[in-house]
Each structure stands twice: as C-alpha cells, then as structure tokens.
Amino acid sequence: MAERAKNMRQLLIEAGIEEINRAGVTDFSVRRVATACGVSCAAPYKHFKDKREFIAAIIDYVNAQWRERQDQILAGCGGDLRRQIVEVVVGYLAFLMEKPWFRSVLMLKDAEFDNLYHKARGQMSSRSQQLQERFFAESGWEPDRIRRKLHIVRAILFGTVFLIDSGELSFDAAVLETVRAAVDREFDLP
C-alpha cells in the first residue's frame, strides 16, 4: 500500500510539472492535475496539505533530480574547482535540454511566487554557488570581476538554451563542447 501511495505521489508531481508548464503557478489547478491522473479531486490532498505544499513538492522533486545529476558530474571531476564549475554549467545545459518540462519549474517567474518557493528554488543552485565561492576565494579576484564572470557564464548558458530552442543551434555534442570551451576560457580572461 505504501508503494502505491508513493507511486501516486510521483504521478501527481509529474502531472503537476505539466500543469505548471501549461498554466504557470498563478493558474495552477489541483483539480486539473487530479483529472490528468484519473483520480478524484480530493486524492491530491492525501499527499499534499494544499496547493502551496504541492508546488513546493514539485520544486523539491526537480531539485532532487538536479542534485542527483550534479553528484554524477562532480564524481568525475576530482578536486579541480574550475573543472567542477565548467562541468556543472555544461551539465546544467544538458539537464535543461534533456528535461525541457523541468524548465518551467526551474525558471519560474510569477507574481504569486512567494518566499517559500524562492527558498526551495534557491536550493537548486546552492552547490554551484558553493563551488563558485570557493573558486573565487582562492583566485583572489575583485568583486567586479566576479560579477562580470558570473554574468557572462550565465549568458553563455541561457543564451545557448535560447538558441537551441529557437532552432539556431542543435543540441548535440559539438554545442556542449563549445559551451565547455567558452566557459573554461572565461576563467583565463581578465
């Protein structure tokens, strides 16, 4: 019975991701999620206290998926902070492209998006931020240079996502290698 409940919770979360993709947070409907799962409108409330807790569970689910991917990436990088950062950026690009339905959760911007969700979403990038903080502390870079580098690396990452989505680039090994080289090179530039 516990396994069935776990499977239903998983099914609800996955349908909830689709609902956020379609309607956003403001128009998120627990009723539509229940209908999509073929269960009663009351069934989701056996797993989630309310809509807010449901959305927080969705964010936690996506966070867990990304943490698992980061663990795999970092396991192959040894102690080289620069390589870890570069590979996490490339891994994040791959994650966003391989799981486009997660993007709506990862990039949520909604007027109804309260502090609970911001905190949960912030956990997604906490490991990356820790890596960056350690690297920058060791590098001795000035705050202005750090801000500039972070901006450029994010622009490379999200610009690439946009170019792939618009059809100007293909999501393939060559694009990943281009991003890897561009991010890595950024650490050598002033």
N, C-alpha and C. Protein backbone atom coordinates (compact mmCIF):
# COMPACT_ATOMS: atom_id res chain seq x y z
N MET A 1 0.82 -1.20 0.00
CA MET A 1 0.00 0.00 0.00
C MET A 1 0.87 1.27 0.00
N ALA A 2 1.97 1.27 0.79
CA ALA A 2 2.86 2.43 0.84
C ALA A 2 3.49 2.68 -0.52
N GLU A 3 3.82 1.61 -1.25
CA GLU A 3 4.41 1.75 -2.59
C GLU A 3 3.42 2.39 -3.56
N ARG A 4 2.16 2.00 -3.44
CA ARG A 4 1.12 2.56 -4.31
C ARG A 4 0.96 4.06 -4.03
N ALA A 5 0.98 4.45 -2.76
CA ALA A 5 0.87 5.87 -2.38
C ALA A 5 2.07 6.64 -2.91
N LYS A 6 3.25 6.04 -2.83
CA LYS A 6 4.46 6.69 -3.34
C LYS A 6 4.35 6.88 -4.85
N ASN A 7 3.85 5.86 -5.54
CA ASN A 7 3.68 5.96 -6.99
C ASN A 7 2.66 7.02 -7.36
N MET A 8 1.56 7.12 -6.60
CA MET A 8 0.55 8.14 -6.87
C MET A 8 1.12 9.53 -6.63
N ARG A 9 1.88 9.68 -5.55
CA ARG A 9 2.51 10.99 -5.28
C ARG A 9 3.42 11.37 -6.45
N GLN A 10 4.21 10.42 -6.94
CA GLN A 10 5.10 10.65 -8.07
C GLN A 10 4.30 11.04 -9.32
N LEU A 11 3.23 10.32 -9.57
CA LEU A 11 2.37 10.61 -10.72
C LEU A 11 1.77 12.00 -10.61
N LEU A 12 1.33 12.37 -9.43
CA LEU A 12 0.78 13.71 -9.21
C LEU A 12 1.83 14.79 -9.43
N ILE A 13 3.03 14.56 -8.94
CA ILE A 13 4.11 15.54 -9.13
C ILE A 13 4.43 15.70 -10.61
N GLU A 14 4.54 14.60 -11.32
CA GLU A 14 4.84 14.69 -12.75
C GLU A 14 3.72 15.40 -13.52
N ALA A 15 2.47 15.12 -13.17
CA ALA A 15 1.35 15.83 -13.79
C ALA A 15 1.36 17.29 -13.36
N GLY A 16 1.79 17.56 -12.13
CA GLY A 16 1.90 18.94 -11.66
C GLY A 16 2.93 19.74 -12.45
N ILE A 17 4.02 19.09 -12.83
CA ILE A 17 5.03 19.76 -13.67
C ILE A 17 4.41 20.14 -15.00
N GLU A 18 3.65 19.23 -15.58
CA GLU A 18 2.97 19.54 -16.85
C GLU A 18 1.98 20.68 -16.67
N GLU A 19 1.29 20.70 -15.54
CA GLU A 19 0.33 21.77 -15.27
C GLU A 19 1.05 23.12 -15.15
N ILE A 20 2.19 23.16 -14.46
CA ILE A 20 2.95 24.40 -14.37
C ILE A 20 3.43 24.82 -15.76
N ASN A 21 3.87 23.86 -16.57
CA ASN A 21 4.27 24.17 -17.95
C ASN A 21 3.13 24.85 -18.70
N ARG A 22 1.94 24.34 -18.53
CA ARG A 22 0.79 24.81 -19.27
C ARG A 22 0.21 26.10 -18.71
N ALA A 23 0.07 26.17 -17.38
CA ALA A 23 -0.70 27.25 -16.78
C ALA A 23 0.09 28.20 -15.89
N GLY A 24 1.33 27.84 -15.54
CA GLY A 24 2.08 28.66 -14.61
C GLY A 24 1.62 28.40 -13.18
N VAL A 25 2.19 29.13 -12.24
CA VAL A 25 1.87 28.94 -10.84
C VAL A 25 0.53 29.59 -10.50
N THR A 26 0.30 30.78 -11.01
CA THR A 26 -0.91 31.52 -10.68
C THR A 26 -2.17 30.74 -11.06
N ASP A 27 -2.15 30.11 -12.21
CA ASP A 27 -3.33 29.38 -12.68
C ASP A 27 -3.22 27.87 -12.48
N PHE A 28 -2.29 27.46 -11.64
CA PHE A 28 -2.11 26.04 -11.33
C PHE A 28 -3.40 25.49 -10.73
N SER A 29 -3.88 24.38 -11.26
CA SER A 29 -5.13 23.79 -10.78
C SER A 29 -4.90 22.37 -10.30
N VAL A 30 -5.11 22.16 -9.01
CA VAL A 30 -5.01 20.82 -8.44
C VAL A 30 -6.08 19.93 -9.07
N ARG A 31 -7.23 20.49 -9.36
CA ARG A 31 -8.32 19.74 -9.99
C ARG A 31 -7.89 19.20 -11.36
N ARG A 32 -7.24 20.04 -12.17
CA ARG A 32 -6.77 19.58 -13.49
C ARG A 32 -5.70 18.50 -13.36
N VAL A 33 -4.84 18.63 -12.36
CA VAL A 33 -3.82 17.61 -12.12
C VAL A 33 -4.49 16.29 -11.76
N ALA A 34 -5.46 16.35 -10.86
CA ALA A 34 -6.18 15.13 -10.47
C ALA A 34 -6.85 14.49 -11.69
N THR A 35 -7.50 15.29 -12.50
CA THR A 35 -8.16 14.78 -13.71
C THR A 35 -7.14 14.13 -14.64
N ALA A 36 -6.00 14.77 -14.81
CA ALA A 36 -4.95 14.21 -15.68
C ALA A 36 -4.46 12.86 -15.16
N CYS A 37 -4.50 12.68 -13.84
CA CYS A 37 -4.05 11.42 -13.24
C CYS A 37 -5.18 10.39 -13.12
N GLY A 38 -6.40 10.80 -13.47
CA GLY A 38 -7.52 9.88 -13.39
C GLY A 38 -7.96 9.57 -11.97
N VAL A 39 -7.79 10.54 -11.07
CA VAL A 39 -8.19 10.35 -9.67
C VAL A 39 -9.18 11.45 -9.28
N SER A 40 -9.79 11.28 -8.12
CA SER A 40 -10.75 12.27 -7.65
C SER A 40 -10.04 13.58 -7.32
N CYS A 41 -10.81 14.64 -7.25
CA CYS A 41 -10.25 15.96 -6.91
C CYS A 41 -9.70 16.00 -5.49
N ALA A 42 -10.15 15.08 -4.64
CA ALA A 42 -9.67 15.04 -3.26
C ALA A 42 -8.37 14.25 -3.13
N ALA A 43 -8.08 13.39 -4.09
CA ALA A 43 -6.92 12.49 -3.99
C ALA A 43 -5.59 13.23 -3.77
N PRO A 44 -5.31 14.34 -4.48
CA PRO A 44 -4.02 15.01 -4.24
C PRO A 44 -3.84 15.47 -2.78
N TYR A 45 -4.95 15.75 -2.10
CA TYR A 45 -4.86 16.25 -0.73
C TYR A 45 -4.53 15.15 0.27
N LYS A 46 -4.46 13.92 -0.19
CA LYS A 46 -3.96 12.84 0.65
C LYS A 46 -2.44 12.88 0.69
N HIS A 47 -1.83 13.56 -0.29
CA HIS A 47 -0.38 13.64 -0.42
C HIS A 47 0.18 15.02 -0.12
N PHE A 48 -0.65 16.05 -0.30
CA PHE A 48 -0.22 17.45 -0.13
C PHE A 48 -1.29 18.20 0.64
N LYS A 49 -0.86 18.95 1.65
CA LYS A 49 -1.81 19.68 2.50
C LYS A 49 -2.65 20.66 1.68
N ASP A 50 -1.98 21.37 0.77
CA ASP A 50 -2.67 22.38 -0.03
C ASP A 50 -1.88 22.63 -1.31
N LYS A 51 -2.35 23.56 -2.10
CA LYS A 51 -1.71 23.88 -3.39
C LYS A 51 -0.25 24.33 -3.18
N ARG A 52 -0.01 25.12 -2.17
CA ARG A 52 1.36 25.61 -1.91
C ARG A 52 2.31 24.46 -1.62
N GLU A 53 1.87 23.53 -0.78
CA GLU A 53 2.71 22.39 -0.45
C GLU A 53 2.94 21.51 -1.68
N PHE A 54 1.93 21.40 -2.53
CA PHE A 54 2.04 20.63 -3.76
C PHE A 54 3.11 21.25 -4.67
N ILE A 55 3.06 22.55 -4.85
CA ILE A 55 4.04 23.21 -5.71
C ILE A 55 5.44 23.11 -5.10
N ALA A 56 5.53 23.24 -3.78
CA ALA A 56 6.83 23.08 -3.11
C ALA A 56 7.37 21.67 -3.33
N ALA A 57 6.49 20.66 -3.31
CA ALA A 57 6.91 19.27 -3.56
C ALA A 57 7.41 19.10 -4.99
N ILE A 58 6.78 19.79 -5.92
CA ILE A 58 7.24 19.75 -7.32
C ILE A 58 8.64 20.33 -7.42
N ILE A 59 8.85 21.47 -6.79
CA ILE A 59 10.18 22.10 -6.81
C ILE A 59 11.21 21.19 -6.14
N ASP A 60 10.84 20.58 -5.03
CA ASP A 60 11.75 19.65 -4.35
C ASP A 60 12.10 18.47 -5.26
N TYR A 61 11.14 17.98 -5.98
CA TYR A 61 11.36 16.86 -6.91
C TYR A 61 12.37 17.25 -7.99
N VAL A 62 12.18 18.42 -8.59
CA VAL A 62 13.12 18.88 -9.62
C VAL A 62 14.49 19.12 -9.01
N ASN A 63 14.53 19.71 -7.81
CA ASN A 63 15.81 19.90 -7.10
C ASN A 63 16.53 18.57 -6.93
N ALA A 64 15.80 17.55 -6.52
CA ALA A 64 16.41 16.23 -6.29
C ALA A 64 16.98 15.66 -7.57
N GLN A 65 16.27 15.85 -8.68
CA GLN A 65 16.76 15.38 -9.97
C GLN A 65 18.07 16.08 -10.34
N TRP A 66 18.12 17.39 -10.13
CA TRP A 66 19.32 18.16 -10.46
C TRP A 66 20.47 17.81 -9.50
N ARG A 67 20.17 17.64 -8.20
CA ARG A 67 21.23 17.23 -7.25
C ARG A 67 21.83 15.90 -7.65
N GLU A 68 21.00 14.97 -8.05
CA GLU A 68 21.50 13.65 -8.49
C GLU A 68 22.42 13.80 -9.70
N ARG A 69 22.03 14.64 -10.64
CA ARG A 69 22.86 14.87 -11.83
C ARG A 69 24.17 15.54 -11.42
N GLN A 70 24.12 16.52 -10.51
CA GLN A 70 25.34 17.19 -10.06
C GLN A 70 26.28 16.20 -9.38
N ASP A 71 25.73 15.31 -8.57
CA ASP A 71 26.56 14.30 -7.92
C ASP A 71 27.32 13.49 -8.95
N GLN A 72 26.65 13.10 -10.02
CA GLN A 72 27.30 12.33 -11.09
C GLN A 72 28.40 13.15 -11.75
N ILE A 73 28.11 14.40 -12.02
CA ILE A 73 29.09 15.28 -12.67
C ILE A 73 30.31 15.46 -11.78
N LEU A 74 30.09 15.82 -10.52
CA LEU A 74 31.19 16.12 -9.62
C LEU A 74 32.03 14.89 -9.29
N ALA A 75 31.42 13.73 -9.32
CA ALA A 75 32.17 12.50 -9.05
C ALA A 75 33.27 12.28 -10.08
N GLY A 76 33.09 12.80 -11.27
CA GLY A 76 34.08 12.62 -12.32
C GLY A 76 35.09 13.75 -12.45
N CYS A 77 35.05 14.73 -11.55
CA CYS A 77 35.92 15.91 -11.70
C CYS A 77 37.05 16.00 -10.69
N GLY A 78 37.11 15.10 -9.75
CA GLY A 78 38.16 15.22 -8.73
C GLY A 78 38.02 16.51 -7.96
N GLY A 79 39.12 17.03 -7.48
CA GLY A 79 39.11 18.24 -6.66
C GLY A 79 39.35 19.53 -7.42
N ASP A 80 39.38 19.51 -8.72
CA ASP A 80 39.64 20.69 -9.54
C ASP A 80 38.40 21.57 -9.59
N LEU A 81 38.41 22.66 -8.81
CA LEU A 81 37.24 23.53 -8.72
C LEU A 81 36.83 24.12 -10.06
N ARG A 82 37.79 24.57 -10.82
CA ARG A 82 37.48 25.17 -12.12
C ARG A 82 36.78 24.16 -13.02
N ARG A 83 37.32 22.95 -13.07
CA ARG A 83 36.71 21.91 -13.90
C ARG A 83 35.32 21.57 -13.38
N GLN A 84 35.15 21.53 -12.06
CA GLN A 84 33.84 21.25 -11.48
C GLN A 84 32.82 22.30 -11.93
N ILE A 85 33.19 23.56 -11.86
CA ILE A 85 32.28 24.64 -12.26
C ILE A 85 31.93 24.51 -13.74
N VAL A 86 32.93 24.33 -14.58
CA VAL A 86 32.70 24.21 -16.02
C VAL A 86 31.77 23.03 -16.31
N GLU A 87 32.04 21.90 -15.70
CA GLU A 87 31.24 20.70 -15.97
C GLU A 87 29.83 20.82 -15.41
N VAL A 88 29.65 21.53 -14.29
CA VAL A 88 28.30 21.75 -13.77
C VAL A 88 27.51 22.65 -14.72
N VAL A 89 28.14 23.66 -15.28
CA VAL A 89 27.46 24.53 -16.26
C VAL A 89 27.04 23.71 -17.48
N VAL A 90 27.96 22.91 -18.01
CA VAL A 90 27.65 22.08 -19.18
C VAL A 90 26.57 21.05 -18.81
N GLY A 91 26.67 20.48 -17.63
CA GLY A 91 25.67 19.52 -17.17
C GLY A 91 24.31 20.16 -16.99
N TYR A 92 24.29 21.40 -16.55
CA TYR A 92 23.01 22.10 -16.37
C TYR A 92 22.37 22.36 -17.73
N LEU A 93 23.17 22.74 -18.71
CA LEU A 93 22.65 22.92 -20.06
C LEU A 93 22.04 21.61 -20.57
N ALA A 94 22.76 20.53 -20.41
CA ALA A 94 22.25 19.22 -20.85
C ALA A 94 20.97 18.87 -20.10
N PHE A 95 20.95 19.12 -18.80
CA PHE A 95 19.77 18.84 -17.97
C PHE A 95 18.56 19.62 -18.48
N LEU A 96 18.76 20.92 -18.76
CA LEU A 96 17.66 21.75 -19.26
C LEU A 96 17.15 21.28 -20.61
N MET A 97 18.06 20.81 -21.45
CA MET A 97 17.64 20.39 -22.79
C MET A 97 17.04 18.99 -22.77
N GLU A 98 17.56 18.11 -21.94
CA GLU A 98 17.05 16.73 -21.88
C GLU A 98 15.72 16.65 -21.15
N LYS A 99 15.46 17.60 -20.27
CA LYS A 99 14.24 17.59 -19.47
C LYS A 99 13.55 18.95 -19.60
N PRO A 100 13.11 19.29 -20.80
CA PRO A 100 12.54 20.64 -21.01
C PRO A 100 11.32 20.92 -20.14
N TRP A 101 10.60 19.88 -19.73
CA TRP A 101 9.44 20.09 -18.88
C TRP A 101 9.84 20.59 -17.50
N PHE A 102 11.10 20.39 -17.10
CA PHE A 102 11.57 20.92 -15.82
C PHE A 102 11.85 22.42 -15.90
N ARG A 103 12.08 22.93 -17.10
CA ARG A 103 12.46 24.33 -17.24
C ARG A 103 11.43 25.27 -16.67
N SER A 104 10.16 24.94 -16.85
CA SER A 104 9.12 25.83 -16.32
C SER A 104 9.21 25.94 -14.81
N VAL A 105 9.65 24.88 -14.14
CA VAL A 105 9.82 24.91 -12.69
C VAL A 105 11.13 25.61 -12.33
N LEU A 106 12.19 25.28 -13.05
CA LEU A 106 13.50 25.86 -12.75
C LEU A 106 13.54 27.36 -12.97
N MET A 107 12.77 27.83 -13.92
CA MET A 107 12.84 29.24 -14.30
C MET A 107 11.56 29.98 -13.96
N LEU A 108 10.85 29.52 -12.94
CA LEU A 108 9.59 30.15 -12.56
C LEU A 108 9.78 31.62 -12.25
N LYS A 109 8.96 32.40 -12.86
CA LYS A 109 8.84 33.82 -12.53
C LYS A 109 7.34 34.09 -12.53
N ASP A 110 6.79 34.35 -11.38
CA ASP A 110 5.35 34.50 -11.27
C ASP A 110 5.06 35.46 -10.13
N ALA A 111 4.09 36.33 -10.31
CA ALA A 111 3.74 37.31 -9.28
C ALA A 111 3.32 36.63 -7.98
N GLU A 112 2.77 35.45 -8.07
CA GLU A 112 2.31 34.74 -6.89
C GLU A 112 3.41 33.91 -6.23
N PHE A 113 4.59 33.96 -6.81
CA PHE A 113 5.69 33.13 -6.34
C PHE A 113 6.24 33.70 -5.05
N ASP A 114 5.94 33.07 -3.92
CA ASP A 114 6.31 33.64 -2.63
C ASP A 114 7.67 33.15 -2.14
N ASN A 115 8.05 33.59 -0.95
CA ASN A 115 9.37 33.27 -0.40
C ASN A 115 9.60 31.78 -0.23
N LEU A 116 8.56 31.03 0.06
CA LEU A 116 8.71 29.58 0.21
C LEU A 116 9.29 28.99 -1.06
N TYR A 117 8.76 29.36 -2.20
CA TYR A 117 9.22 28.82 -3.47
C TYR A 117 10.61 29.34 -3.82
N HIS A 118 10.86 30.62 -3.54
CA HIS A 118 12.19 31.17 -3.82
C HIS A 118 13.27 30.42 -3.05
N LYS A 119 12.99 30.14 -1.78
CA LYS A 119 13.95 29.40 -0.96
C LYS A 119 14.17 28.00 -1.52
N ALA A 120 13.09 27.32 -1.87
CA ALA A 120 13.20 25.97 -2.42
C ALA A 120 13.96 25.98 -3.74
N ARG A 121 13.67 26.94 -4.60
CA ARG A 121 14.38 27.02 -5.87
C ARG A 121 15.83 27.38 -5.66
N GLY A 122 16.12 28.21 -4.67
CA GLY A 122 17.50 28.59 -4.39
C GLY A 122 18.37 27.41 -4.00
N GLN A 123 17.75 26.38 -3.43
CA GLN A 123 18.49 25.19 -3.05
C GLN A 123 19.06 24.49 -4.29
N MET A 124 18.43 24.72 -5.43
CA MET A 124 18.87 24.09 -6.67
C MET A 124 20.28 24.54 -7.05
N SER A 125 20.58 25.79 -6.79
CA SER A 125 21.88 26.31 -7.20
C SER A 125 22.86 26.43 -6.04
N SER A 126 22.50 25.95 -4.86
CA SER A 126 23.36 26.16 -3.70
C SER A 126 24.73 25.49 -3.87
N ARG A 127 24.77 24.29 -4.41
CA ARG A 127 26.05 23.60 -4.59
C ARG A 127 26.92 24.36 -5.60
N SER A 128 26.32 24.81 -6.69
CA SER A 128 27.07 25.59 -7.69
C SER A 128 27.63 26.86 -7.06
N GLN A 129 26.81 27.52 -6.25
CA GLN A 129 27.27 28.74 -5.60
C GLN A 129 28.43 28.46 -4.65
N GLN A 130 28.38 27.35 -3.94
CA GLN A 130 29.47 26.99 -3.03
C GLN A 130 30.76 26.75 -3.80
N LEU A 131 30.65 26.07 -4.94
CA LEU A 131 31.83 25.84 -5.78
C LEU A 131 32.42 27.16 -6.25
N GLN A 132 31.54 28.05 -6.72
CA GLN A 132 31.99 29.34 -7.21
C GLN A 132 32.63 30.16 -6.10
N GLU A 133 32.02 30.18 -4.93
CA GLU A 133 32.57 30.95 -3.82
C GLU A 133 33.96 30.44 -3.44
N ARG A 134 34.13 29.12 -3.40
CA ARG A 134 35.46 28.56 -3.09
C ARG A 134 36.47 28.94 -4.17
N PHE A 135 36.08 28.82 -5.43
CA PHE A 135 36.98 29.14 -6.53
C PHE A 135 37.39 30.61 -6.47
N PHE A 136 36.40 31.50 -6.29
CA PHE A 136 36.69 32.93 -6.29
C PHE A 136 37.51 33.33 -5.07
N ALA A 137 37.26 32.69 -3.93
CA ALA A 137 38.07 32.98 -2.74
C ALA A 137 39.53 32.60 -2.99
N GLU A 138 39.74 31.46 -3.64
CA GLU A 138 41.10 31.02 -3.94
C GLU A 138 41.76 31.85 -5.03
N SER A 139 40.95 32.39 -5.94
CA SER A 139 41.51 33.14 -7.07
C SER A 139 41.94 34.55 -6.69
N GLY A 140 41.30 35.10 -5.64
CA GLY A 140 41.63 36.47 -5.23
C GLY A 140 41.06 37.53 -6.16
N TRP A 141 40.10 37.18 -6.96
CA TRP A 141 39.52 38.14 -7.90
C TRP A 141 38.76 39.25 -7.17
N GLU A 142 38.73 40.41 -7.79
CA GLU A 142 37.97 41.54 -7.28
C GLU A 142 36.47 41.29 -7.49
N PRO A 143 35.63 41.85 -6.61
CA PRO A 143 34.18 41.64 -6.72
C PRO A 143 33.61 42.00 -8.11
N ASP A 144 34.13 43.06 -8.73
CA ASP A 144 33.62 43.45 -10.05
C ASP A 144 33.91 42.36 -11.09
N ARG A 145 35.09 41.79 -11.03
CA ARG A 145 35.45 40.72 -11.97
C ARG A 145 34.57 39.49 -11.73
N ILE A 146 34.31 39.17 -10.48
CA ILE A 146 33.46 38.02 -10.15
C ILE A 146 32.06 38.24 -10.72
N ARG A 147 31.47 39.42 -10.48
CA ARG A 147 30.14 39.71 -11.02
C ARG A 147 30.12 39.58 -12.53
N ARG A 148 31.12 40.12 -13.17
CA ARG A 148 31.20 40.08 -14.63
C ARG A 148 31.30 38.64 -15.13
N LYS A 149 32.13 37.84 -14.50
CA LYS A 149 32.29 36.44 -14.92
C LYS A 149 30.99 35.65 -14.73
N LEU A 150 30.35 35.84 -13.58
CA LEU A 150 29.09 35.14 -13.35
C LEU A 150 28.04 35.53 -14.39
N HIS A 151 27.99 36.81 -14.72
CA HIS A 151 27.05 37.28 -15.74
C HIS A 151 27.35 36.65 -17.10
N ILE A 152 28.60 36.64 -17.48
CA ILE A 152 28.98 36.09 -18.78
C ILE A 152 28.69 34.59 -18.85
N VAL A 153 29.03 33.86 -17.80
CA VAL A 153 28.79 32.41 -17.79
C VAL A 153 27.30 32.12 -17.88
N ARG A 154 26.49 32.86 -17.13
CA ARG A 154 25.03 32.68 -17.21
C ARG A 154 24.50 33.03 -18.59
N ALA A 155 25.07 34.09 -19.19
CA ALA A 155 24.65 34.47 -20.54
C ALA A 155 24.99 33.38 -21.55
N ILE A 156 26.16 32.78 -21.40
CA ILE A 156 26.53 31.66 -22.29
C ILE A 156 25.53 30.52 -22.12
N LEU A 157 25.25 30.16 -20.88
CA LEU A 157 24.34 29.05 -20.60
C LEU A 157 22.94 29.33 -21.14
N PHE A 158 22.31 30.40 -20.69
CA PHE A 158 20.92 30.65 -21.05
C PHE A 158 20.78 31.14 -22.49
N GLY A 159 21.81 31.80 -23.01
CA GLY A 159 21.79 32.17 -24.43
C GLY A 159 21.81 30.93 -25.31
N THR A 160 22.58 29.94 -24.89
CA THR A 160 22.63 28.68 -25.65
C THR A 160 21.29 27.97 -25.60
N VAL A 161 20.65 27.95 -24.43
CA VAL A 161 19.31 27.35 -24.33
C VAL A 161 18.36 28.05 -25.31
N PHE A 162 18.39 29.38 -25.33
CA PHE A 162 17.53 30.15 -26.23
C PHE A 162 17.83 29.82 -27.69
N LEU A 163 19.10 29.76 -28.05
CA LEU A 163 19.47 29.48 -29.44
C LEU A 163 19.06 28.06 -29.86
N ILE A 164 19.15 27.12 -28.95
CA ILE A 164 18.70 25.76 -29.26
C ILE A 164 17.18 25.75 -29.41
N ASP A 165 16.49 26.38 -28.49
CA ASP A 165 15.02 26.43 -28.56
C ASP A 165 14.52 27.11 -29.82
N SER A 166 15.24 28.12 -30.26
CA SER A 166 14.82 28.86 -31.46
C SER A 166 15.21 28.15 -32.75
N GLY A 167 15.97 27.06 -32.63
CA GLY A 167 16.37 26.30 -33.82
C GLY A 167 17.65 26.79 -34.48
N GLU A 168 18.29 27.80 -33.89
CA GLU A 168 19.52 28.31 -34.47
C GLU A 168 20.72 27.41 -34.19
N LEU A 169 20.63 26.63 -33.12
CA LEU A 169 21.65 25.64 -32.80
C LEU A 169 20.96 24.30 -32.58
N SER A 170 21.70 23.24 -32.77
CA SER A 170 21.21 21.90 -32.44
C SER A 170 21.78 21.53 -31.09
N PHE A 171 21.02 20.76 -30.35
CA PHE A 171 21.54 20.25 -29.08
C PHE A 171 22.31 18.98 -29.40
N ASP A 172 23.64 19.11 -29.38
CA ASP A 172 24.49 17.97 -29.70
C ASP A 172 25.82 18.11 -28.98
N ALA A 173 26.68 17.14 -29.17
CA ALA A 173 27.98 17.12 -28.50
C ALA A 173 28.83 18.33 -28.88
N ALA A 174 28.72 18.79 -30.12
CA ALA A 174 29.51 19.95 -30.56
C ALA A 174 29.11 21.21 -29.80
N VAL A 175 27.83 21.40 -29.57
CA VAL A 175 27.37 22.57 -28.83
C VAL A 175 27.83 22.47 -27.37
N LEU A 176 27.73 21.30 -26.78
CA LEU A 176 28.20 21.13 -25.41
C LEU A 176 29.69 21.43 -25.30
N GLU A 177 30.46 20.99 -26.28
CA GLU A 177 31.90 21.24 -26.26
C GLU A 177 32.19 22.73 -26.46
N THR A 178 31.42 23.39 -27.29
CA THR A 178 31.59 24.84 -27.48
C THR A 178 31.32 25.59 -26.18
N VAL A 179 30.25 25.21 -25.50
CA VAL A 179 29.93 25.84 -24.21
C VAL A 179 31.02 25.54 -23.19
N ARG A 180 31.47 24.31 -23.14
CA ARG A 180 32.55 23.92 -22.21
C ARG A 180 33.78 24.81 -22.46
N ALA A 181 34.19 24.95 -23.71
CA ALA A 181 35.38 25.73 -24.05
C ALA A 181 35.17 27.22 -23.73
N ALA A 182 33.99 27.75 -24.03
CA ALA A 182 33.72 29.16 -23.78
C ALA A 182 33.72 29.48 -22.28
N VAL A 183 33.11 28.61 -21.48
CA VAL A 183 33.07 28.84 -20.03
C VAL A 183 34.48 28.69 -19.45
N ASP A 184 35.19 27.66 -19.87
CA ASP A 184 36.55 27.45 -19.36
C ASP A 184 37.46 28.63 -19.72
N ARG A 185 37.35 29.10 -20.95
CA ARG A 185 38.19 30.22 -21.40
C ARG A 185 37.89 31.48 -20.60
N GLU A 186 36.65 31.64 -20.18
CA GLU A 186 36.25 32.84 -19.43
C GLU A 186 37.08 32.99 -18.15
N PHE A 187 37.54 31.89 -17.57
CA PHE A 187 38.33 31.96 -16.35
C PHE A 187 39.74 32.46 -16.60
N ASP A 188 40.19 32.44 -17.87
CA ASP A 188 41.53 32.92 -18.20
C ASP A 188 41.52 34.38 -18.62
N LEU A 189 40.35 34.92 -18.95
CA LEU A 189 40.27 36.30 -19.42
C LEU A 189 40.15 37.26 -18.23
N PRO A 190 40.64 38.50 -18.43
CA PRO A 190 40.56 39.48 -17.32
C PRO A 190 39.14 39.90 -17.01
